[in-house]
């Protein structure tokens, strides 16, 4: 899966939360939204600097996928924060 140690720890904690019975769906979705939002910010930061064109296309594609996931989360949670709105990509 890759990523930082902190991201791995958050994924593990999120996986453990799914095992707990009870009304945790909202908490899980909020945690997922935060993780996707953090990833989107990092991709945007990477895209704001110099990248070779091939790398820029790959990073841009991943950034678009993350934005799409955030949009799907927002559609599934009416009234949720609008963190998932796609920001314009630098050219």
PDB file of N, CA and C in Angstrom:
ATOM      1  N   UNK A   1       0.791  -1.183   0.000  1.00  0.00           N
ATOM      2  CA  UNK A   1       0.000   0.000   0.000  1.00  0.00           C
ATOM      3  C   UNK A   1       0.843   1.260   0.000  1.00  0.00           C
ATOM      4  N   UNK A   2       1.902   1.343   0.705  1.00  0.00           N
ATOM      5  CA  UNK A   2       2.786   2.498   0.654  1.00  0.00           C
ATOM      6  C   UNK A   2       2.281   3.660   1.479  1.00  0.00           C
ATOM      7  N   UNK A   3       3.026   4.759   1.424  1.00  0.00           N
ATOM      8  CA  UNK A   3       2.654   5.952   2.164  1.00  0.00           C
ATOM      9  C   UNK A   3       3.517   6.100   3.399  1.00  0.00           C
ATOM     10  N   UNK A   4       3.214   7.106   4.171  1.00  0.00           N
ATOM     11  CA  UNK A   4       3.987   7.370   5.370  1.00  0.00           C
ATOM     12  C   UNK A   4       3.564   6.443   6.502  1.00  0.00           C
ATOM     13  N   UNK A   5       4.366   6.408   7.522  1.00  0.00           N
ATOM     14  CA  UNK A   5       4.039   5.611   8.705  1.00  0.00           C
ATOM     15  C   UNK A   5       2.749   6.127   9.342  1.00  0.00           C
ATOM     16  N   UNK A   6       2.584   7.454   9.374  1.00  0.00           N
ATOM     17  CA  UNK A   6       1.365   8.030   9.952  1.00  0.00           C
ATOM     18  C   UNK A   6       0.137   7.619   9.146  1.00  0.00           C
ATOM     19  N   UNK A   7       0.256   7.634   7.817  1.00  0.00           N
ATOM     20  CA  UNK A   7      -0.878   7.231   6.975  1.00  0.00           C
ATOM     21  C   UNK A   7      -1.200   5.759   7.191  1.00  0.00           C
ATOM     22  N   UNK A   8      -0.179   4.935   7.332  1.00  0.00           N
ATOM     23  CA  UNK A   8      -0.402   3.512   7.597  1.00  0.00           C
ATOM     24  C   UNK A   8      -1.106   3.313   8.933  1.00  0.00           C
ATOM     25  N   UNK A   9      -0.708   4.094   9.930  1.00  0.00           N
ATOM     26  CA  UNK A   9      -1.347   3.998  11.248  1.00  0.00           C
ATOM     27  C   UNK A   9      -2.814   4.420  11.166  1.00  0.00           C
ATOM     28  N   UNK A  10      -3.102   5.494  10.395  1.00  0.00           N
ATOM     29  CA  UNK A  10      -4.495   5.933  10.249  1.00  0.00           C
ATOM     30  C   UNK A  10      -5.323   4.880   9.531  1.00  0.00           C
ATOM     31  N   UNK A  11      -4.749   4.241   8.502  1.00  0.00           N
ATOM     32  CA  UNK A  11      -5.482   3.184   7.797  1.00  0.00           C
ATOM     33  C   UNK A  11      -5.778   2.022   8.734  1.00  0.00           C
ATOM     34  N   UNK A  12      -4.797   1.658   9.568  1.00  0.00           N
ATOM     35  CA  UNK A  12      -4.993   0.558  10.515  1.00  0.00           C
ATOM     36  C   UNK A  12      -6.071   0.916  11.536  1.00  0.00           C
ATOM     37  N   UNK A  13      -6.038   2.156  12.035  1.00  0.00           N
ATOM     38  CA  UNK A  13      -7.052   2.589  13.001  1.00  0.00           C
ATOM     39  C   UNK A  13      -8.436   2.594  12.359  1.00  0.00           C
ATOM     40  N   UNK A  14      -8.517   3.034  11.122  1.00  0.00           N
ATOM     41  CA  UNK A  14      -9.793   3.044  10.408  1.00  0.00           C
ATOM     42  C   UNK A  14     -10.307   1.624  10.218  1.00  0.00           C
ATOM     43  N   UNK A  15      -9.413   0.696   9.878  1.00  0.00           N
ATOM     44  CA  UNK A  15      -9.806  -0.705   9.712  1.00  0.00           C
ATOM     45  C   UNK A  15     -10.322  -1.279  11.029  1.00  0.00           C
ATOM     46  N   UNK A  16      -9.674  -0.930  12.147  1.00  0.00           N
ATOM     47  CA  UNK A  16     -10.123  -1.414  13.453  1.00  0.00           C
ATOM     48  C   UNK A  16     -11.490  -0.852  13.826  1.00  0.00           C
ATOM     49  N   UNK A  17     -11.729   0.405  13.461  1.00  0.00           N
ATOM     50  CA  UNK A  17     -13.024   1.015  13.786  1.00  0.00           C
ATOM     51  C   UNK A  17     -14.172   0.298  13.094  1.00  0.00           C
ATOM     52  N   UNK A  18     -13.905  -0.273  11.934  1.00  0.00           N
ATOM     53  CA  UNK A  18     -14.977  -0.958  11.212  1.00  0.00           C
ATOM     54  C   UNK A  18     -15.401  -2.228  11.942  1.00  0.00           C
ATOM     55  N   UNK A  19     -14.564  -2.734  12.830  1.00  0.00           N
ATOM     56  CA  UNK A  19     -14.890  -3.951  13.578  1.00  0.00           C
ATOM     57  C   UNK A  19     -15.770  -3.677  14.790  1.00  0.00           C
ATOM     58  N   UNK A  20     -15.845  -2.417  15.196  1.00  0.00           N
ATOM     59  CA  UNK A  20     -16.603  -2.046  16.386  1.00  0.00           C
ATOM     60  C   UNK A  20     -18.079  -1.915  16.015  1.00  0.00           C
ATOM     61  N   UNK A  21     -18.945  -2.688  16.694  1.00  0.00           N
ATOM     62  CA  UNK A  21     -20.371  -2.552  16.399  1.00  0.00           C
ATOM     63  C   UNK A  21     -20.901  -1.213  16.915  1.00  0.00           C
ATOM     64  N   UNK A  22     -21.911  -0.715  16.255  1.00  0.00           N
ATOM     65  CA  UNK A  22     -22.533   0.526  16.691  1.00  0.00           C
ATOM     66  C   UNK A  22     -22.557   1.562  15.597  1.00  0.00           C
ATOM     67  N   UNK A  23     -23.065   2.725  15.934  1.00  0.00           N
ATOM     68  CA  UNK A  23     -23.237   3.788  14.940  1.00  0.00           C
ATOM     69  C   UNK A  23     -21.937   4.548  14.676  1.00  0.00           C
ATOM     70  N   UNK A  24     -20.989   3.911  14.030  1.00  0.00           N
ATOM     71  CA  UNK A  24     -19.710   4.562  13.750  1.00  0.00           C
ATOM     72  C   UNK A  24     -19.570   4.948  12.287  1.00  0.00           C
ATOM     73  N   UNK A  25     -20.614   4.708  11.486  1.00  0.00           N
ATOM     74  CA  UNK A  25     -20.511   4.992  10.049  1.00  0.00           C
ATOM     75  C   UNK A  25     -20.122   6.445   9.774  1.00  0.00           C
ATOM     76  N   UNK A  26     -20.755   7.367  10.459  1.00  0.00           N
ATOM     77  CA  UNK A  26     -20.438   8.786  10.269  1.00  0.00           C
ATOM     78  C   UNK A  26     -18.994   9.101  10.620  1.00  0.00           C
ATOM     79  N   UNK A  27     -18.518   8.501  11.704  1.00  0.00           N
ATOM     80  CA  UNK A  27     -17.128   8.709  12.107  1.00  0.00           C
ATOM     81  C   UNK A  27     -16.171   8.143  11.063  1.00  0.00           C
ATOM     82  N   UNK A  28     -16.516   6.979  10.527  1.00  0.00           N
ATOM     83  CA  UNK A  28     -15.668   6.369   9.506  1.00  0.00           C
ATOM     84  C   UNK A  28     -15.623   7.228   8.249  1.00  0.00           C
ATOM     85  N   UNK A  29     -16.770   7.730   7.851  1.00  0.00           N
ATOM     86  CA  UNK A  29     -16.814   8.573   6.655  1.00  0.00           C
ATOM     87  C   UNK A  29     -16.041   9.863   6.885  1.00  0.00           C
ATOM     88  N   UNK A  30     -16.172  10.448   8.072  1.00  0.00           N
ATOM     89  CA  UNK A  30     -15.412  11.661   8.385  1.00  0.00           C
ATOM     90  C   UNK A  30     -13.910  11.389   8.360  1.00  0.00           C
ATOM     91  N   UNK A  31     -13.498  10.257   8.926  1.00  0.00           N
ATOM     92  CA  UNK A  31     -12.081   9.898   8.917  1.00  0.00           C
ATOM     93  C   UNK A  31     -11.589   9.685   7.484  1.00  0.00           C
ATOM     94  N   UNK A  32     -12.400   9.027   6.672  1.00  0.00           N
ATOM     95  CA  UNK A  32     -12.033   8.796   5.271  1.00  0.00           C
ATOM     96  C   UNK A  32     -11.926  10.127   4.531  1.00  0.00           C
ATOM     97  N   UNK A  33     -12.880  11.021   4.782  1.00  0.00           N
ATOM     98  CA  UNK A  33     -12.860  12.333   4.145  1.00  0.00           C
ATOM     99  C   UNK A  33     -11.585  13.086   4.525  1.00  0.00           C
ATOM    100  N   UNK A  34     -11.225  13.051   5.809  1.00  0.00           N
ATOM    101  CA  UNK A  34     -10.002  13.737   6.249  1.00  0.00           C
ATOM    102  C   UNK A  34      -8.772  13.165   5.563  1.00  0.00           C
ATOM    103  N   UNK A  35      -8.697  11.837   5.493  1.00  0.00           N
ATOM    104  CA  UNK A  35      -7.539  11.193   4.859  1.00  0.00           C
ATOM    105  C   UNK A  35      -7.461  11.555   3.378  1.00  0.00           C
ATOM    106  N   UNK A  36      -8.594  11.531   2.693  1.00  0.00           N
ATOM    107  CA  UNK A  36      -8.610  11.883   1.278  1.00  0.00           C
ATOM    108  C   UNK A  36      -8.283  13.366   1.089  1.00  0.00           C
ATOM    109  N   UNK A  37      -8.786  14.207   1.999  1.00  0.00           N
ATOM    110  CA  UNK A  37      -8.490  15.640   1.933  1.00  0.00           C
ATOM    111  C   UNK A  37      -7.014  15.929   2.111  1.00  0.00           C
ATOM    112  N   UNK A  38      -6.382  15.233   3.060  1.00  0.00           N
ATOM    113  CA  UNK A  38      -4.950  15.403   3.274  1.00  0.00           C
ATOM    114  C   UNK A  38      -4.166  14.970   2.042  1.00  0.00           C
ATOM    115  N   UNK A  39      -4.579  13.865   1.452  1.00  0.00           N
ATOM    116  CA  UNK A  39      -3.910  13.390   0.242  1.00  0.00           C
ATOM    117  C   UNK A  39      -4.090  14.392  -0.896  1.00  0.00           C
ATOM    118  N   UNK A  40      -5.290  14.936  -1.045  1.00  0.00           N
ATOM    119  CA  UNK A  40      -5.558  15.919  -2.103  1.00  0.00           C
ATOM    120  C   UNK A  40      -4.674  17.150  -1.934  1.00  0.00           C
ATOM    121  N   UNK A  41      -4.503  17.593  -0.692  1.00  0.00           N
ATOM    122  CA  UNK A  41      -3.640  18.749  -0.426  1.00  0.00           C
ATOM    123  C   UNK A  41      -2.199  18.466  -0.816  1.00  0.00           C
ATOM    124  N   UNK A  42      -1.727  17.274  -0.500  1.00  0.00           N
ATOM    125  CA  UNK A  42      -0.346  16.923  -0.843  1.00  0.00           C
ATOM    126  C   UNK A  42      -0.140  16.836  -2.350  1.00  0.00           C
ATOM    127  N   UNK A  43      -1.122  16.270  -3.050  1.00  0.00           N
ATOM    128  CA  UNK A  43      -1.025  16.212  -4.509  1.00  0.00           C
ATOM    129  C   UNK A  43      -1.047  17.615  -5.105  1.00  0.00           C
ATOM    130  N   UNK A  44      -1.903  18.485  -4.588  1.00  0.00           N
ATOM    131  CA  UNK A  44      -1.966  19.865  -5.079  1.00  0.00           C
ATOM    132  C   UNK A  44      -0.635  20.567  -4.857  1.00  0.00           C
ATOM    133  N   UNK A  45      -0.027  20.315  -3.707  1.00  0.00           N
ATOM    134  CA  UNK A  45       1.271  20.909  -3.409  1.00  0.00           C
ATOM    135  C   UNK A  45       2.320  20.401  -4.395  1.00  0.00           C
ATOM    136  N   UNK A  46       2.304  19.117  -4.672  1.00  0.00           N
ATOM    137  CA  UNK A  46       3.261  18.549  -5.628  1.00  0.00           C
ATOM    138  C   UNK A  46       3.047  19.135  -7.018  1.00  0.00           C
ATOM    139  N   UNK A  47       1.792  19.305  -7.410  1.00  0.00           N
ATOM    140  CA  UNK A  47       1.482  19.827  -8.743  1.00  0.00           C
ATOM    141  C   UNK A  47       1.808  21.312  -8.878  1.00  0.00           C
ATOM    142  N   UNK A  48       1.934  22.017  -7.760  1.00  0.00           N
ATOM    143  CA  UNK A  48       2.229  23.447  -7.825  1.00  0.00           C
ATOM    144  C   UNK A  48       3.700  23.722  -8.143  1.00  0.00           C
ATOM    145  N   UNK A  49       4.546  22.713  -7.978  1.00  0.00           N
ATOM    146  CA  UNK A  49       5.963  22.888  -8.264  1.00  0.00           C
ATOM    147  C   UNK A  49       6.333  22.279  -9.610  1.00  0.00           C
ATOM    148  N   UNK A  50       7.617  22.302  -9.894  1.00  0.00           N
ATOM    149  CA  UNK A  50       8.097  21.741 -11.157  1.00  0.00           C
ATOM    150  C   UNK A  50       8.065  20.215 -11.086  1.00  0.00           C
ATOM    151  N   UNK A  51       7.513  19.614 -12.124  1.00  0.00           N
ATOM    152  CA  UNK A  51       7.562  18.165 -12.303  1.00  0.00           C
ATOM    153  C   UNK A  51       7.767  17.905 -13.791  1.00  0.00           C
ATOM    154  N   UNK A  52       8.578  16.911 -14.136  1.00  0.00           N
ATOM    155  CA  UNK A  52       8.651  16.530 -15.549  1.00  0.00           C
ATOM    156  C   UNK A  52       7.250  16.165 -16.042  1.00  0.00           C
ATOM    157  N   UNK A  53       6.986  16.398 -17.333  1.00  0.00           N
ATOM    158  CA  UNK A  53       5.634  16.240 -17.869  1.00  0.00           C
ATOM    159  C   UNK A  53       5.038  14.862 -17.597  1.00  0.00           C
ATOM    160  N   UNK A  54       5.824  13.821 -17.773  1.00  0.00           N
ATOM    161  CA  UNK A  54       5.312  12.461 -17.548  1.00  0.00           C
ATOM    162  C   UNK A  54       4.885  12.264 -16.093  1.00  0.00           C
ATOM    163  N   UNK A  55       5.683  12.757 -15.173  1.00  0.00           N
ATOM    164  CA  UNK A  55       5.362  12.661 -13.748  1.00  0.00           C
ATOM    165  C   UNK A  55       4.146  13.528 -13.438  1.00  0.00           C
ATOM    166  N   UNK A  56       4.092  14.742 -14.024  1.00  0.00           N
ATOM    167  CA  UNK A  56       2.949  15.636 -13.809  1.00  0.00           C
ATOM    168  C   UNK A  56       1.646  14.973 -14.238  1.00  0.00           C
ATOM    169  N   UNK A  57       1.661  14.271 -15.376  1.00  0.00           N
ATOM    170  CA  UNK A  57       0.442  13.585 -15.829  1.00  0.00           C
ATOM    171  C   UNK A  57       0.023  12.504 -14.843  1.00  0.00           C
ATOM    172  N   UNK A  58       0.989  11.736 -14.358  1.00  0.00           N
ATOM    173  CA  UNK A  58       0.683  10.654 -13.414  1.00  0.00           C
ATOM    174  C   UNK A  58       0.149  11.217 -12.091  1.00  0.00           C
ATOM    175  N   UNK A  59       0.820  12.220 -11.562  1.00  0.00           N
ATOM    176  CA  UNK A  59       0.385  12.838 -10.307  1.00  0.00           C
ATOM    177  C   UNK A  59      -0.970  13.511 -10.504  1.00  0.00           C
ATOM    178  N   UNK A  60      -1.172  14.152 -11.654  1.00  0.00           N
ATOM    179  CA  UNK A  60      -2.451  14.786 -11.954  1.00  0.00           C
ATOM    180  C   UNK A  60      -3.582  13.775 -12.009  1.00  0.00           C
ATOM    181  N   UNK A  61      -3.323  12.618 -12.608  1.00  0.00           N
ATOM    182  CA  UNK A  61      -4.330  11.563 -12.678  1.00  0.00           C
ATOM    183  C   UNK A  61      -4.718  11.084 -11.279  1.00  0.00           C
ATOM    184  N   UNK A  62      -3.714  10.871 -10.434  1.00  0.00           N
ATOM    185  CA  UNK A  62      -3.985  10.448  -9.055  1.00  0.00           C
ATOM    186  C   UNK A  62      -4.752  11.528  -8.304  1.00  0.00           C
ATOM    187  N   UNK A  63      -4.385  12.778  -8.521  1.00  0.00           N
ATOM    188  CA  UNK A  63      -5.071  13.892  -7.876  1.00  0.00           C
ATOM    189  C   UNK A  63      -6.541  13.930  -8.299  1.00  0.00           C
ATOM    190  N   UNK A  64      -6.793  13.722  -9.585  1.00  0.00           N
ATOM    191  CA  UNK A  64      -8.175  13.687 -10.073  1.00  0.00           C
ATOM    192  C   UNK A  64      -8.965  12.557  -9.431  1.00  0.00           C
ATOM    193  N   UNK A  65      -8.340  11.412  -9.269  1.00  0.00           N
ATOM    194  CA  UNK A  65      -9.026  10.267  -8.647  1.00  0.00           C
ATOM    195  C   UNK A  65      -9.391  10.563  -7.197  1.00  0.00           C
ATOM    196  N   UNK A  66      -8.479  11.198  -6.486  1.00  0.00           N
ATOM    197  CA  UNK A  66      -8.747  11.551  -5.092  1.00  0.00           C
ATOM    198  C   UNK A  66      -9.880  12.575  -5.032  1.00  0.00           C
ATOM    199  N   UNK A  67      -9.860  13.554  -5.918  1.00  0.00           N
ATOM    200  CA  UNK A  67     -10.934  14.545  -5.962  1.00  0.00           C
ATOM    201  C   UNK A  67     -12.272  13.882  -6.258  1.00  0.00           C
ATOM    202  N   UNK A  68     -12.260  12.909  -7.162  1.00  0.00           N
ATOM    203  CA  UNK A  68     -13.491  12.175  -7.468  1.00  0.00           C
ATOM    204  C   UNK A  68     -14.003  11.426  -6.245  1.00  0.00           C
ATOM    205  N   UNK A  69     -13.091  10.802  -5.479  1.00  0.00           N
ATOM    206  CA  UNK A  69     -13.506  10.097  -4.263  1.00  0.00           C
ATOM    207  C   UNK A  69     -14.131  11.067  -3.265  1.00  0.00           C
ATOM    208  N   UNK A  70     -13.500  12.221  -3.103  1.00  0.00           N
ATOM    209  CA  UNK A  70     -14.051  13.220  -2.182  1.00  0.00           C
ATOM    210  C   UNK A  70     -15.440  13.663  -2.643  1.00  0.00           C
ATOM    211  N   UNK A  71     -15.606  13.828  -3.928  1.00  0.00           N
ATOM    212  CA  UNK A  71     -16.912  14.209  -4.467  1.00  0.00           C
ATOM    213  C   UNK A  71     -17.944  13.119  -4.183  1.00  0.00           C
ATOM    214  N   UNK A  72     -17.559  11.873  -4.345  1.00  0.00           N
ATOM    215  CA  UNK A  72     -18.470  10.756  -4.060  1.00  0.00           C
ATOM    216  C   UNK A  72     -18.853  10.729  -2.594  1.00  0.00           C
ATOM    217  N   UNK A  73     -17.901  11.000  -1.716  1.00  0.00           N
ATOM    218  CA  UNK A  73     -18.189  11.045  -0.287  1.00  0.00           C
ATOM    219  C   UNK A  73     -19.214  12.140  -0.013  1.00  0.00           C
ATOM    220  N   UNK A  74     -19.011  13.309  -0.604  1.00  0.00           N
ATOM    221  CA  UNK A  74     -19.924  14.425  -0.378  1.00  0.00           C
ATOM    222  C   UNK A  74     -21.318  14.121  -0.919  1.00  0.00           C
ATOM    223  N   UNK A  75     -21.395  13.427  -2.048  1.00  0.00           N
ATOM    224  CA  UNK A  75     -22.699  13.065  -2.597  1.00  0.00           C
ATOM    225  C   UNK A  75     -23.418  12.068  -1.684  1.00  0.00           C
ATOM    226  N   UNK A  76     -22.648  11.191  -1.058  1.00  0.00           N
ATOM    227  CA  UNK A  76     -23.231  10.181  -0.170  1.00  0.00           C
ATOM    228  C   UNK A  76     -23.635  10.779   1.171  1.00  0.00           C
ATOM    229  N   UNK A  77     -23.078  11.920   1.511  1.00  0.00           N
ATOM    230  CA  UNK A  77     -23.345  12.561   2.792  1.00  0.00           C
ATOM    231  C   UNK A  77     -23.884  13.968   2.570  1.00  0.00           C
ATOM    232  N   UNK A  78     -25.150  14.116   2.188  1.00  0.00           N
ATOM    233  CA  UNK A  78     -25.702  15.463   1.998  1.00  0.00           C
ATOM    234  C   UNK A  78     -25.518  16.292   3.262  1.00  0.00           C
ATOM    235  N   UNK A  79     -25.149  17.539   3.068  1.00  0.00           N
ATOM    236  CA  UNK A  79     -24.940  18.426   4.208  1.00  0.00           C
ATOM    237  C   UNK A  79     -23.549  18.320   4.790  1.00  0.00           C
ATOM    238  N   UNK A  80     -22.713  17.431   4.235  1.00  0.00           N
ATOM    239  CA  UNK A  80     -21.346  17.298   4.736  1.00  0.00           C
ATOM    240  C   UNK A  80     -20.521  18.477   4.242  1.00  0.00           C
ATOM    241  N   UNK A  81     -19.328  18.583   4.749  1.00  0.00           N
ATOM    242  CA  UNK A  81     -18.460  19.676   4.329  1.00  0.00           C
ATOM    243  C   UNK A  81     -18.164  19.568   2.845  1.00  0.00           C
ATOM    244  N   UNK A  82     -17.828  20.660   2.228  1.00  0.00           N
ATOM    245  CA  UNK A  82     -17.560  20.675   0.800  1.00  0.00           C
ATOM    246  C   UNK A  82     -16.069  20.557   0.538  1.00  0.00           C
ATOM    247  N   UNK A  83     -15.376  19.815   1.364  1.00  0.00           N
ATOM    248  CA  UNK A  83     -13.950  19.607   1.199  1.00  0.00           C
ATOM    249  C   UNK A  83     -13.645  18.918  -0.119  1.00  0.00           C
ATOM    250  N   UNK A  84     -14.586  18.176  -0.645  1.00  0.00           N
ATOM    251  CA  UNK A  84     -14.354  17.394  -1.839  1.00  0.00           C
ATOM    252  C   UNK A  84     -14.472  18.151  -3.133  1.00  0.00           C
ATOM    253  N   UNK A  85     -14.727  19.442  -3.072  1.00  0.00           N
ATOM    254  CA  UNK A  85     -14.823  20.173  -4.324  1.00  0.00           C
ATOM    255  C   UNK A  85     -13.466  20.212  -4.984  1.00  0.00           C
ATOM    256  N   UNK A  86     -13.470  19.949  -6.268  1.00  0.00           N
ATOM    257  CA  UNK A  86     -12.229  19.883  -7.026  1.00  0.00           C
ATOM    258  C   UNK A  86     -11.673  21.273  -7.214  1.00  0.00           C
ATOM    259  N   UNK A  87     -10.409  21.427  -6.853  1.00  0.00           N
ATOM    260  CA  UNK A  87      -9.724  22.695  -7.057  1.00  0.00           C
ATOM    261  C   UNK A  87      -9.140  22.712  -8.456  1.00  0.00           C
ATOM    262  N   UNK A  88      -9.023  23.887  -9.054  1.00  0.00           N
ATOM    263  CA  UNK A  88      -8.426  23.925 -10.386  1.00  0.00           C
ATOM    264  C   UNK A  88      -6.983  23.466 -10.332  1.00  0.00           C
ATOM    265  N   UNK A  89      -6.589  22.697 -11.327  1.00  0.00           N
ATOM    266  CA  UNK A  89      -5.212  22.198 -11.388  1.00  0.00           C
ATOM    267  C   UNK A  89      -4.324  23.213 -12.056  1.00  0.00           C
ATOM    268  N   UNK A  90      -3.108  23.394 -11.525  1.00  0.00           N
ATOM    269  CA  UNK A  90      -2.179  24.320 -12.173  1.00  0.00           C
ATOM    270  C   UNK A  90      -1.773  23.769 -13.530  1.00  0.00           C
ATOM    271  N   UNK A  91      -1.524  24.677 -14.449  1.00  0.00           N
ATOM    272  CA  UNK A  91      -1.144  24.251 -15.810  1.00  0.00           C
ATOM    273  C   UNK A  91       0.345  24.312 -15.976  1.00  0.00           C
TER     274      UNK A  91
END
